[in-house]
Amino acid sequence: MSQHGKRPVVFARYLALAWCGLIVYGSLHPFSGWRDSGVSPWAFLESAWPRYWTVFDLVTNVAVYVPLGFFLALALLRLPGRFTAACLAVLLGGTLSLGLETLQNWLPSRIPSNLDLACNTLGGLIGAVWAHIVGPRVFARLEALAHRLLAPVAHGELGLTLLGLWLIVPLSPEILLFGAGDLRQLLGFTPAIPFSVDRYALIEAGITACNAVAVGLILGQLLARTWVAYLLVPLFLIGGLAIRMLGAAVLVGPGEAMAWLTPGARQGLLAAAAVLALTLWLPTRAGLLLAALALLAGTVLVNLAPPNPYSEAALAAWRQGHFLNFNGLTRLVASLWPFLALPFLLLTLRGPQPRST
């Protein structure tokens, strides 16, 4: 099998693993208050229909597992047997749901439910059946697309998966634009630099520019041709801005849809556009090295940034809504993304192949 022929399989495996991690975090958040209730961990399997439930909860529990079943079935599609991949995908999805529902017995904020287990398994089944029906066509199209657009960069599938995860970062309205890597909340640190308007705007511009340049260069170096990079990188970053706008409007309020577009953010975007225009043509090794440096600089700056009153207000408004678990998930991804991307860059820098122009 050619390198491009393997890519859809490897990419599906990375996507399945990433989606599994998101489900685990969302199901066990906030990971605190663990205690033994004295009830059998599997008592929920024999429970009656839950007293409190909503159609939204049922649809959500099904929908969350549909992508998992789809990705798992695609990742296993080359196993022998016509229905092997789909059956294993359903089994793995159901087993994951059973394990997570069982663990929720020890979390006071979560209630295990056989209805949730049934909905999750149904979602995995729908995704697996969908993959079984469209899987061969999906693989054929992905192989053709990989051959046309993607460079033979080492661990390129992991890079694409990380870029997909990065699209979660702009959904956090309480963080600075593209401000990934802030560990202060996780580690209990306080801002090192006091707030002032000029100082804050300068740091905000630096954070926005460094992260946009890093993401743009990662995507650009994964693409096979420079002209494709100059086309798709701006579209990808514009997509990130659209997600930011949508997230602020839905999670905070319609009036806050553009509140993130501060003078510092605008300056950072302009600076990133100028830098990317001059660097997307760089050879693979030089481009990925510059991406790593930009990512490191952005991570340092975001951990030095003074507190932002708007961020605190946005976070308070969000926590008062119905998205507390989603808030924890997006914040975790935003905090850890650079520390997932940097190992990928280091691995890729060990032996990247040149990109054609």
Protein backbone atom coordinates (compact mmCIF):
# COMPACT_ATOMS: atom_id res chain seq x y z
CA MET A 1 0.00 0.00 0.00
CA SER A 2 1.35 3.44 -0.92
CA GLN A 3 1.98 6.20 1.57
CA HIS A 4 -1.09 8.06 0.33
CA GLY A 5 -3.11 4.85 0.44
CA LYS A 6 -2.27 4.42 4.13
CA ARG A 7 -3.11 8.00 5.03
CA PRO A 8 -6.91 7.70 5.27
CA VAL A 9 -6.57 4.68 7.60
CA VAL A 10 -4.01 6.41 9.84
CA PHE A 11 -5.99 9.65 9.80
CA ALA A 12 -9.16 7.82 10.84
CA ARG A 13 -7.27 6.20 13.73
CA TYR A 14 -6.03 9.56 14.96
CA LEU A 15 -9.52 11.04 14.67
CA ALA A 16 -11.04 8.10 16.57
CA LEU A 17 -8.45 8.47 19.33
CA ALA A 18 -8.96 12.23 19.56
CA TRP A 19 -12.76 11.93 19.64
CA CYS A 20 -12.49 9.22 22.29
CA GLY A 21 -10.39 11.55 24.44
CA LEU A 22 -12.96 14.34 24.09
CA ILE A 23 -15.76 11.97 25.11
CA VAL A 24 -13.84 10.74 28.15
CA TYR A 25 -13.17 14.29 29.33
CA GLY A 26 -16.74 15.45 28.71
CA SER A 27 -18.18 12.42 30.50
CA LEU A 28 -16.00 12.67 33.62
CA HIS A 29 -15.64 16.44 33.98
CA PRO A 30 -14.95 18.01 36.49
CA PHE A 31 -12.79 15.05 37.69
CA SER A 32 -13.24 16.09 41.34
CA GLY A 33 -15.13 14.96 44.42
CA TRP A 34 -14.60 11.26 43.84
CA ARG A 35 -16.33 9.17 46.53
CA ASP A 36 -17.77 5.70 47.09
CA SER A 37 -21.57 5.79 47.27
CA GLY A 38 -21.78 2.21 48.53
CA VAL A 39 -23.96 1.21 45.58
CA SER A 40 -22.96 -1.50 43.13
CA PRO A 41 -21.21 0.14 40.17
CA TRP A 42 -23.52 -1.70 37.77
CA ALA A 43 -26.79 -1.09 39.60
CA PHE A 44 -27.73 1.52 36.99
CA LEU A 45 -28.05 -1.25 34.38
CA GLU A 46 -31.19 -2.54 36.12
CA SER A 47 -32.65 0.87 36.93
CA ALA A 48 -36.05 1.97 35.69
CA TRP A 49 -36.56 4.72 33.13
CA PRO A 50 -34.93 7.91 34.52
CA ARG A 51 -37.32 10.35 36.16
CA TYR A 52 -35.74 13.42 34.64
CA TRP A 53 -34.78 13.47 30.99
CA THR A 54 -35.15 15.71 27.96
CA VAL A 55 -35.21 15.14 24.22
CA PHE A 56 -32.11 17.35 24.02
CA ASP A 57 -30.23 14.98 26.36
CA LEU A 58 -31.25 11.93 24.32
CA VAL A 59 -30.28 13.49 21.00
CA THR A 60 -26.98 14.73 22.42
CA ASN A 61 -26.05 11.32 23.82
CA VAL A 62 -26.72 9.74 20.44
CA ALA A 63 -25.03 12.46 18.40
CA VAL A 64 -21.79 12.49 20.42
CA TYR A 65 -21.13 8.82 19.67
CA VAL A 66 -22.00 8.95 15.95
CA PRO A 67 -18.57 10.37 14.96
CA LEU A 68 -16.83 7.86 17.22
CA GLY A 69 -18.57 4.92 15.54
CA PHE A 70 -17.84 6.43 12.13
CA PHE A 71 -14.14 7.03 12.80
CA LEU A 72 -13.66 3.62 14.45
CA ALA A 73 -15.31 1.79 11.57
CA LEU A 74 -13.18 3.66 9.03
CA ALA A 75 -10.03 2.96 11.06
CA LEU A 76 -10.86 -0.77 11.07
CA LEU A 77 -12.28 -0.97 7.55
CA ARG A 78 -9.34 -2.93 6.12
CA LEU A 79 -9.84 -5.84 8.55
CA PRO A 80 -10.98 -9.08 6.89
CA GLY A 81 -14.71 -9.71 6.89
CA ARG A 82 -17.51 -7.63 5.43
CA PHE A 83 -19.03 -6.53 8.73
CA THR A 84 -16.02 -6.90 11.03
CA ALA A 85 -15.15 -3.20 11.18
CA ALA A 86 -18.72 -2.07 11.86
CA CYS A 87 -19.32 -4.70 14.53
CA LEU A 88 -16.05 -3.93 16.31
CA ALA A 89 -16.77 -0.20 16.15
CA VAL A 90 -20.16 -0.70 17.84
CA LEU A 91 -18.62 -3.01 20.44
CA LEU A 92 -15.81 -0.57 21.24
CA GLY A 93 -18.18 2.40 21.43
CA GLY A 94 -20.57 0.54 23.71
CA THR A 95 -17.72 -0.67 25.92
CA LEU A 96 -16.39 2.88 26.25
CA SER A 97 -19.83 4.16 27.22
CA LEU A 98 -20.30 1.33 29.76
CA GLY A 99 -16.93 2.10 31.33
CA LEU A 100 -17.62 5.82 31.59
CA GLU A 101 -21.12 5.34 32.99
CA THR A 102 -19.65 2.97 35.57
CA LEU A 103 -16.99 5.49 36.58
CA GLN A 104 -19.68 8.14 37.04
CA ASN A 105 -20.82 6.21 40.13
CA TRP A 106 -17.87 7.80 41.95
CA LEU A 107 -18.59 11.36 40.77
CA PRO A 108 -21.22 13.23 42.82
CA SER A 109 -21.96 15.60 39.96
CA ARG A 110 -22.74 12.79 37.48
CA ILE A 111 -25.52 10.21 37.44
CA PRO A 112 -24.94 6.93 35.55
CA SER A 113 -27.85 5.93 33.36
CA ASN A 114 -28.76 2.88 31.33
CA LEU A 115 -30.64 5.25 29.02
CA ASP A 116 -27.42 7.15 28.34
CA LEU A 117 -25.65 3.86 27.66
CA ALA A 118 -28.36 2.83 25.20
CA CYS A 119 -28.25 6.21 23.43
CA ASN A 120 -24.46 6.16 23.23
CA THR A 121 -24.45 2.65 21.78
CA LEU A 122 -27.14 3.65 19.29
CA GLY A 123 -25.00 6.60 18.23
CA GLY A 124 -22.01 4.30 17.73
CA LEU A 125 -24.19 1.94 15.70
CA ILE A 126 -25.44 4.75 13.46
CA GLY A 127 -21.88 5.97 12.89
CA ALA A 128 -20.59 2.47 12.16
CA VAL A 129 -23.40 1.71 9.70
CA TRP A 130 -22.83 5.04 8.02
CA ALA A 131 -19.12 4.24 7.65
CA HIS A 132 -19.93 0.77 6.35
CA ILE A 133 -22.17 2.22 3.65
CA VAL A 134 -20.01 5.13 2.55
CA GLY A 135 -16.61 3.90 3.76
CA PRO A 136 -15.20 2.65 0.44
CA ARG A 137 -16.20 5.87 -1.32
CA VAL A 138 -14.80 7.94 1.53
CA PHE A 139 -11.46 6.12 1.33
CA ALA A 140 -11.26 6.51 -2.43
CA ARG A 141 -11.93 10.24 -2.22
CA LEU A 142 -9.55 10.75 0.70
CA GLU A 143 -6.77 8.89 -1.12
CA ALA A 144 -7.30 11.04 -4.21
CA LEU A 145 -7.41 14.21 -2.11
CA ALA A 146 -4.28 13.23 -0.19
CA HIS A 147 -2.44 12.58 -3.43
CA ARG A 148 -3.40 16.00 -4.83
CA LEU A 149 -3.07 18.22 -1.76
CA LEU A 150 -0.86 16.68 0.92
CA ALA A 151 2.91 16.55 1.03
CA PRO A 152 4.62 13.30 2.13
CA VAL A 153 5.52 14.82 5.50
CA ALA A 154 6.28 12.43 8.35
CA HIS A 155 3.34 12.10 10.77
CA GLY A 156 1.25 14.35 8.55
CA GLU A 157 -1.97 12.60 9.65
CA LEU A 158 -1.24 13.55 13.25
CA GLY A 159 -0.72 17.13 12.14
CA LEU A 160 -4.11 17.20 10.42
CA THR A 161 -5.75 15.80 13.55
CA LEU A 162 -4.11 18.48 15.69
CA LEU A 163 -5.32 21.17 13.33
CA GLY A 164 -8.82 19.76 13.68
CA LEU A 165 -8.51 19.97 17.47
CA TRP A 166 -7.22 23.53 17.16
CA LEU A 167 -10.62 24.57 15.78
CA ILE A 168 -11.96 24.00 19.31
CA VAL A 169 -9.61 26.69 20.69
CA PRO A 170 -11.48 29.71 19.26
CA LEU A 171 -14.71 28.42 20.85
CA SER A 172 -13.50 29.56 24.29
CA PRO A 173 -14.77 33.15 24.48
CA GLU A 174 -12.95 33.88 27.74
CA ILE A 175 -9.46 33.40 26.31
CA LEU A 176 -7.55 35.79 24.08
CA LEU A 177 -7.91 35.32 20.33
CA PHE A 178 -6.06 32.10 19.41
CA GLY A 179 -4.56 32.24 22.94
CA ALA A 180 -3.67 28.56 23.34
CA GLY A 181 -1.30 27.28 26.02
CA ASP A 182 -2.48 29.21 29.08
CA LEU A 183 -1.66 26.95 32.04
CA ARG A 184 -2.25 29.42 34.83
CA GLN A 185 -5.74 28.24 35.68
CA LEU A 186 -4.70 24.59 35.68
CA LEU A 187 -1.59 25.25 37.81
CA GLY A 188 -3.00 28.03 39.98
CA PHE A 189 -0.55 30.73 38.83
CA THR A 190 -1.33 34.44 38.94
CA PRO A 191 -0.58 36.84 36.06
CA ALA A 192 3.00 38.10 36.20
CA ILE A 193 2.37 41.45 34.52
CA PRO A 194 -0.06 44.06 35.89
CA PHE A 195 -2.81 45.33 33.61
CA SER A 196 -2.44 48.45 31.55
CA VAL A 197 -4.17 49.29 28.27
CA ASP A 198 -1.04 49.73 26.16
CA ARG A 199 0.83 46.78 27.64
CA TYR A 200 -2.20 44.53 27.29
CA ALA A 201 -2.82 45.48 23.65
CA LEU A 202 0.82 44.77 22.77
CA ILE A 203 0.82 41.35 24.43
CA GLU A 204 -2.55 40.49 22.91
CA ALA A 205 -1.23 41.35 19.45
CA GLY A 206 1.82 39.15 20.04
CA ILE A 207 -0.28 36.20 21.23
CA THR A 208 -2.64 36.43 18.27
CA ALA A 209 0.16 36.82 15.73
CA CYS A 210 2.37 34.02 17.10
CA ASN A 211 -0.42 31.46 17.28
CA ALA A 212 -1.85 32.37 13.87
CA VAL A 213 1.61 32.11 12.30
CA ALA A 214 2.27 28.75 13.98
CA VAL A 215 -1.04 27.25 12.87
CA GLY A 216 -0.72 28.70 9.38
CA LEU A 217 2.78 27.34 8.91
CA ILE A 218 1.83 23.88 10.19
CA LEU A 219 -1.01 23.68 7.70
CA GLY A 220 1.08 25.23 4.95
CA GLN A 221 3.89 22.69 5.34
CA LEU A 222 1.43 19.79 5.24
CA LEU A 223 0.22 20.89 1.82
CA ALA A 224 1.94 19.63 -1.30
CA ARG A 225 2.22 22.88 -3.23
CA THR A 226 2.91 26.44 -2.21
CA TRP A 227 0.04 27.93 -4.21
CA VAL A 228 -2.38 25.59 -2.41
CA ALA A 229 -0.99 26.80 0.94
CA TYR A 230 -1.52 30.44 -0.01
CA LEU A 231 -5.14 29.56 -0.80
CA LEU A 232 -6.08 27.22 2.06
CA VAL A 233 -4.19 28.73 4.99
CA PRO A 234 -6.13 32.05 4.90
CA LEU A 235 -9.39 30.13 4.53
CA PHE A 236 -8.53 27.96 7.53
CA LEU A 237 -7.70 30.95 9.74
CA ILE A 238 -10.84 32.76 8.57
CA GLY A 239 -12.74 29.65 9.60
CA GLY A 240 -11.17 29.95 13.05
CA LEU A 241 -12.37 33.57 13.26
CA ALA A 242 -15.87 32.51 12.20
CA ILE A 243 -15.89 29.88 14.96
CA ARG A 244 -14.75 32.53 17.43
CA MET A 245 -17.59 34.83 16.38
CA LEU A 246 -20.18 32.05 16.53
CA GLY A 247 -18.92 30.81 19.90
CA ALA A 248 -19.09 34.28 21.44
CA ALA A 249 -22.58 34.86 20.06
CA VAL A 250 -24.01 31.53 21.23
CA LEU A 251 -22.15 31.02 24.51
CA VAL A 252 -22.05 34.61 25.80
CA GLY A 253 -24.61 36.62 23.87
CA PRO A 254 -25.40 37.90 20.37
CA GLY A 255 -24.16 41.35 21.32
CA GLU A 256 -20.72 39.91 22.12
CA ALA A 257 -20.19 38.25 18.73
CA MET A 258 -17.44 40.71 17.73
CA ALA A 259 -16.26 41.88 21.16
CA TRP A 260 -13.05 39.84 20.77
CA LEU A 261 -11.94 41.95 17.78
CA THR A 262 -9.97 44.42 19.89
CA PRO A 263 -7.21 46.72 18.61
CA GLY A 264 -4.62 44.22 19.84
CA ALA A 265 -6.34 41.32 18.06
CA ARG A 266 -6.56 43.32 14.82
CA GLN A 267 -2.88 44.23 14.97
CA GLY A 268 -1.96 40.61 15.64
CA LEU A 269 -4.00 39.38 12.68
CA LEU A 270 -2.41 41.93 10.35
CA ALA A 271 1.07 41.00 11.58
CA ALA A 272 0.33 37.29 11.12
CA ALA A 273 -0.92 37.89 7.59
CA ALA A 274 2.28 39.73 6.70
CA VAL A 275 4.54 37.06 8.22
CA LEU A 276 2.66 34.19 6.56
CA ALA A 277 2.80 35.94 3.19
CA LEU A 278 6.58 35.98 3.49
CA THR A 279 7.12 32.50 4.96
CA LEU A 280 4.64 30.03 3.46
CA TRP A 281 7.06 29.40 0.59
CA LEU A 282 9.78 28.18 2.97
CA PRO A 283 11.04 24.58 2.68
CA THR A 284 9.39 22.08 5.01
CA ARG A 285 12.10 21.95 7.67
CA ALA A 286 12.48 25.74 7.88
CA GLY A 287 8.71 26.28 7.95
CA LEU A 288 8.11 23.76 10.73
CA LEU A 289 11.02 25.12 12.76
CA LEU A 290 9.58 28.64 12.49
CA ALA A 291 6.16 27.26 13.49
CA ALA A 292 7.68 25.70 16.61
CA LEU A 293 9.39 28.97 17.56
CA ALA A 294 6.18 30.94 17.02
CA LEU A 295 4.22 28.43 19.10
CA LEU A 296 6.74 28.64 21.94
CA ALA A 297 6.66 32.45 21.86
CA GLY A 298 2.87 32.54 21.88
CA THR A 299 2.71 30.10 24.81
CA VAL A 300 5.16 32.19 26.85
CA LEU A 301 3.25 35.41 26.11
CA VAL A 302 -0.16 34.00 27.00
CA ASN A 303 1.15 32.88 30.39
CA LEU A 304 2.58 36.36 31.04
CA ALA A 305 -0.50 38.29 29.89
CA PRO A 306 -2.23 40.49 32.47
CA PRO A 307 -5.84 39.64 33.40
CA ASN A 308 -8.53 40.77 31.01
CA PRO A 309 -11.79 42.10 32.54
CA TYR A 310 -13.75 41.04 29.46
CA SER A 311 -12.47 37.47 29.76
CA GLU A 312 -13.62 37.23 33.36
CA ALA A 313 -17.06 38.61 32.45
CA ALA A 314 -17.38 36.21 29.50
CA LEU A 315 -16.37 33.25 31.65
CA ALA A 316 -18.91 34.18 34.33
CA ALA A 317 -21.69 34.52 31.76
CA TRP A 318 -20.79 31.19 30.18
CA ARG A 319 -20.69 29.33 33.48
CA GLN A 320 -24.16 30.56 34.31
CA GLY A 321 -25.51 28.83 31.20
CA HIS A 322 -25.91 25.18 30.26
CA PHE A 323 -22.43 24.65 28.84
CA LEU A 324 -20.32 24.01 31.94
CA ASN A 325 -18.92 20.68 30.73
CA PHE A 326 -18.35 22.09 27.25
CA ASN A 327 -16.57 25.04 28.85
CA GLY A 328 -14.20 22.70 30.68
CA LEU A 329 -13.53 20.73 27.50
CA THR A 330 -12.75 23.73 25.30
CA ARG A 331 -10.59 25.31 27.99
CA LEU A 332 -8.59 22.10 28.42
CA VAL A 333 -7.99 21.77 24.67
CA ALA A 334 -6.96 25.43 24.49
CA SER A 335 -4.55 24.99 27.40
CA LEU A 336 -2.90 21.81 26.16
CA TRP A 337 -2.89 22.27 22.38
CA PRO A 338 0.63 23.76 22.06
CA PHE A 339 2.01 20.97 24.22
CA LEU A 340 0.47 18.42 21.84
CA ALA A 341 1.62 20.28 18.73
CA LEU A 342 5.23 20.77 19.81
CA PRO A 343 6.03 17.02 20.00
CA PHE A 344 4.50 16.63 16.54
CA LEU A 345 6.75 19.39 15.21
CA LEU A 346 9.82 17.83 16.82
CA LEU A 347 8.98 14.40 15.39
CA THR A 348 8.37 15.85 11.94
CA LEU A 349 11.57 17.90 11.98
CA ARG A 350 13.59 14.68 12.38
CA GLY A 351 12.94 13.63 8.81
CA PRO A 352 10.55 15.73 6.75
CA GLN A 353 10.48 15.37 3.00
CA PRO A 354 10.70 18.39 0.74
CA ARG A 355 7.59 19.98 -0.62
CA SER A 356 7.21 20.69 -4.30
CA THR A 357 6.48 24.20 -5.45
